[in-house]
Amino acid sequence: ELQDIYSEVVNGREAIVESEKRFRDIVTAFEEFVWEIDLQGNYTYLSSRVESILGYDAQQLIGVNTFEMMCSPYDKDMSTLFKACVQQQVPFRNFHYTKQTANGTTIHLSSNGLPIFNDEQKLIGYRGATRDVSIEKQHEEHIHSLAYYDQLTQLPNRTMLMTVLEDLIKGQQPFAVLFLDL
């Protein structure tokens, strides 16, 4: 009987080691960095991939508040959205924001997170992954530029004019249009 218990312990340990290896391989294979934060948004864990994305060593960011690192004033809305997720104890997807890297470059990021519960089913934080979406953001801005601006003069084109006029008409505010045919 003691031999059976020993075999179970050994098999259990091997399964845990294999599971940890699988997790490390997955975390390393993807372009995202994996993180955990507490209910205030302070990092409690970061994978080593954070260094290739943000330029900081993972240990440098432990205890740092993720929302305080965001650049744009609009990004501060992420804190409000996060608090709503905490209150409702729900996951979040595609939170888009900007952060400054260690070398001063501003990059666009997208995060997904899942709630972490303790043994008593009390919410204790969030776990998730973040990826750099700067290139996708640049492509979106380029497409917007192609759609709404003349490529030779960089002035707003007819499509932009129609969009602005439609918005003004919907707003029911008085306005005037001056048209010069040169």
Protein backbone atom coordinates (compact mmCIF):
# COMPACT_ATOMS: atom_id res chain seq x y z
CA GLU A 1 0.00 0.00 0.00
CA LEU A 2 2.86 2.38 0.79
CA GLN A 3 4.32 1.63 -2.65
CA ASP A 4 0.98 2.62 -4.26
CA ILE A 5 0.93 5.92 -2.38
CA TYR A 6 4.54 6.58 -3.40
CA SER A 7 3.69 5.83 -7.05
CA GLU A 8 0.74 8.21 -6.93
CA VAL A 9 2.92 10.98 -5.47
CA VAL A 10 5.60 10.43 -8.13
CA ASN A 11 3.02 10.37 -10.93
CA GLY A 12 1.36 13.49 -9.53
CA ARG A 13 4.69 15.29 -9.35
CA GLU A 14 5.53 14.31 -12.93
CA ALA A 15 2.13 15.60 -14.07
CA ILE A 16 2.74 18.92 -12.29
CA VAL A 17 6.21 19.27 -13.82
CA GLU A 18 4.81 18.51 -17.28
CA SER A 19 1.96 20.99 -16.77
CA GLU A 20 4.38 23.73 -15.67
CA LYS A 21 6.61 23.03 -18.68
CA ARG A 22 3.59 23.21 -20.99
CA PHE A 23 2.57 26.56 -19.44
CA ARG A 24 6.11 27.99 -19.81
CA ASP A 25 6.29 26.81 -23.43
CA ILE A 26 2.95 28.40 -24.27
CA VAL A 27 3.83 31.68 -22.56
CA THR A 28 7.15 31.79 -24.42
CA ALA A 29 5.66 30.85 -27.81
CA PHE A 30 3.20 33.72 -28.05
CA GLU A 31 3.98 37.35 -28.74
CA GLU A 32 1.92 38.48 -25.74
CA PHE A 33 3.20 38.96 -22.23
CA VAL A 34 1.25 37.24 -19.47
CA TRP A 35 0.44 39.12 -16.27
CA GLU A 36 -1.45 39.05 -13.01
CA ILE A 37 -2.71 42.13 -11.18
CA ASP A 38 -4.41 42.68 -7.86
CA LEU A 39 -7.78 44.44 -7.53
CA GLN A 40 -6.11 47.87 -7.63
CA GLY A 41 -4.28 47.09 -10.89
CA ASN A 42 -0.81 46.51 -9.39
CA TYR A 43 1.28 43.90 -11.17
CA THR A 44 1.87 40.77 -9.07
CA TYR A 45 3.32 38.61 -11.90
CA LEU A 46 4.73 39.30 -15.37
CA SER A 47 6.21 36.88 -17.87
CA SER A 48 9.67 37.59 -19.25
CA ARG A 49 8.11 38.56 -22.63
CA VAL A 50 7.26 41.96 -21.09
CA GLU A 51 10.89 42.94 -21.60
CA SER A 52 10.69 42.53 -25.39
CA ILE A 53 7.47 44.57 -25.53
CA LEU A 54 7.87 47.30 -22.88
CA GLY A 55 11.63 47.17 -22.38
CA TYR A 56 11.36 46.67 -18.62
CA ASP A 57 12.54 43.65 -16.69
CA ALA A 58 9.53 41.82 -15.24
CA GLN A 59 10.80 42.31 -11.67
CA GLN A 60 11.01 46.10 -12.19
CA LEU A 61 7.25 46.24 -12.75
CA ILE A 62 6.09 44.06 -9.84
CA GLY A 63 4.00 46.33 -7.59
CA VAL A 64 3.66 49.02 -10.29
CA ASN A 65 0.11 50.08 -11.14
CA THR A 66 -0.69 49.29 -14.76
CA PHE A 67 -3.11 52.22 -15.09
CA GLU A 68 -0.52 54.76 -13.92
CA MET A 69 1.74 53.65 -16.79
CA MET A 70 -0.84 54.55 -19.45
CA CYS A 71 -0.03 57.59 -21.60
CA SER A 72 -3.15 59.14 -23.05
CA PRO A 73 -5.80 60.91 -20.95
CA TYR A 74 -8.32 58.68 -22.75
CA ASP A 75 -6.50 55.64 -21.37
CA LYS A 76 -7.56 56.64 -17.86
CA ASP A 77 -11.01 55.33 -18.84
CA MET A 78 -9.43 51.86 -18.67
CA SER A 79 -9.25 52.21 -14.90
CA THR A 80 -12.99 52.94 -14.78
CA LEU A 81 -13.74 50.00 -17.09
CA PHE A 82 -11.52 47.74 -14.99
CA LYS A 83 -13.30 48.80 -11.78
CA ALA A 84 -16.64 47.94 -13.43
CA CYS A 85 -15.30 44.48 -14.33
CA VAL A 86 -14.06 44.01 -10.75
CA GLN A 87 -17.44 45.04 -9.36
CA GLN A 88 -19.25 42.60 -11.66
CA GLN A 89 -16.47 39.97 -11.37
CA VAL A 90 -16.39 39.42 -15.13
CA PRO A 91 -13.60 38.96 -17.70
CA PHE A 92 -12.59 41.74 -20.09
CA ARG A 93 -11.52 41.59 -23.71
CA ASN A 94 -9.73 43.93 -26.08
CA PHE A 95 -8.92 46.76 -23.69
CA HIS A 96 -6.94 49.10 -25.99
CA TYR A 97 -4.57 51.71 -24.56
CA THR A 98 -1.09 53.21 -24.93
CA LYS A 99 2.00 52.89 -22.74
CA GLN A 100 5.46 54.32 -22.91
CA THR A 101 8.30 51.82 -23.23
CA ALA A 102 11.55 52.03 -21.27
CA ASN A 103 13.18 53.83 -24.22
CA GLY A 104 10.41 56.45 -24.38
CA THR A 105 8.49 55.11 -27.39
CA THR A 106 4.70 55.12 -27.14
CA ILE A 107 3.11 51.84 -28.18
CA HIS A 108 -0.48 50.63 -28.54
CA LEU A 109 -1.48 47.58 -26.51
CA SER A 110 -4.49 45.30 -26.26
CA SER A 111 -5.28 43.24 -23.14
CA ASN A 112 -7.61 40.41 -22.21
CA GLY A 113 -8.13 39.33 -18.61
CA LEU A 114 -9.92 36.76 -16.49
CA PRO A 115 -10.88 37.09 -12.83
CA ILE A 116 -8.88 35.11 -10.25
CA PHE A 117 -10.83 33.68 -7.32
CA ASN A 118 -9.43 32.19 -4.12
CA ASP A 119 -10.66 28.96 -2.48
CA GLU A 120 -13.61 30.82 -0.92
CA GLN A 121 -14.61 32.13 -4.38
CA LYS A 122 -13.58 35.67 -3.43
CA LEU A 123 -12.17 37.78 -6.26
CA ILE A 124 -8.48 38.49 -5.60
CA GLY A 125 -7.25 39.83 -8.94
CA TYR A 126 -7.04 39.31 -12.68
CA ARG A 127 -4.82 37.21 -14.94
CA GLY A 128 -4.39 37.83 -18.64
CA ALA A 129 -2.25 38.62 -21.64
CA THR A 130 -1.27 41.80 -23.44
CA ARG A 131 0.01 42.22 -26.97
CA ASP A 132 1.53 45.06 -28.96
CA VAL A 133 -0.96 46.26 -31.60
CA SER A 134 1.05 49.30 -32.74
CA ILE A 135 1.47 48.04 -36.32
CA GLU A 136 -2.27 47.32 -36.63
CA LYS A 137 -2.99 50.82 -35.27
CA GLN A 138 -0.64 52.35 -37.86
CA HIS A 139 -2.44 50.44 -40.61
CA GLU A 140 -5.83 51.68 -39.34
CA GLU A 141 -4.58 55.27 -39.32
CA HIS A 142 -3.19 54.87 -42.84
CA ILE A 143 -6.50 53.46 -44.11
CA HIS A 144 -8.34 56.36 -42.44
CA SER A 145 -5.97 58.79 -44.12
CA LEU A 146 -6.53 57.17 -47.52
CA ALA A 147 -10.29 57.27 -47.04
CA TYR A 148 -10.69 60.84 -45.79
CA TYR A 149 -7.73 62.90 -47.06
CA ASP A 150 -6.39 63.79 -50.50
CA GLN A 151 -3.04 62.02 -50.86
CA LEU A 152 -1.45 64.85 -52.84
CA THR A 153 -2.46 67.84 -50.69
CA GLN A 154 -3.30 66.05 -47.40
CA LEU A 155 -6.46 68.18 -47.24
CA PRO A 156 -9.81 66.63 -46.26
CA ASN A 157 -11.55 65.09 -49.28
CA ARG A 158 -15.20 64.93 -50.35
CA THR A 159 -15.88 61.86 -48.20
CA MET A 160 -14.67 63.75 -45.12
CA LEU A 161 -16.79 66.76 -46.09
CA MET A 162 -19.90 64.59 -46.41
CA THR A 163 -19.22 62.91 -43.07
CA VAL A 164 -18.78 66.26 -41.31
CA LEU A 165 -21.91 67.70 -42.95
CA GLU A 166 -23.97 64.64 -41.95
CA ASP A 167 -22.80 65.01 -38.35
CA LEU A 168 -23.65 68.72 -38.36
CA ILE A 169 -27.12 68.06 -39.78
CA LYS A 170 -27.79 65.34 -37.19
CA GLY A 171 -26.66 67.70 -34.43
CA GLN A 172 -29.32 70.22 -35.50
CA GLN A 173 -26.94 73.07 -34.80
CA PRO A 174 -26.94 76.11 -37.09
CA PHE A 175 -24.04 76.10 -39.56
CA ALA A 176 -23.02 77.56 -42.90
CA VAL A 177 -21.14 76.16 -45.87
CA LEU A 178 -19.06 78.33 -48.15
CA PHE A 179 -18.33 76.77 -51.53
CA LEU A 180 -15.70 78.30 -53.80
CA ASP A 181 -15.27 76.92 -57.31
CA LEU A 182 -11.84 77.98 -58.49
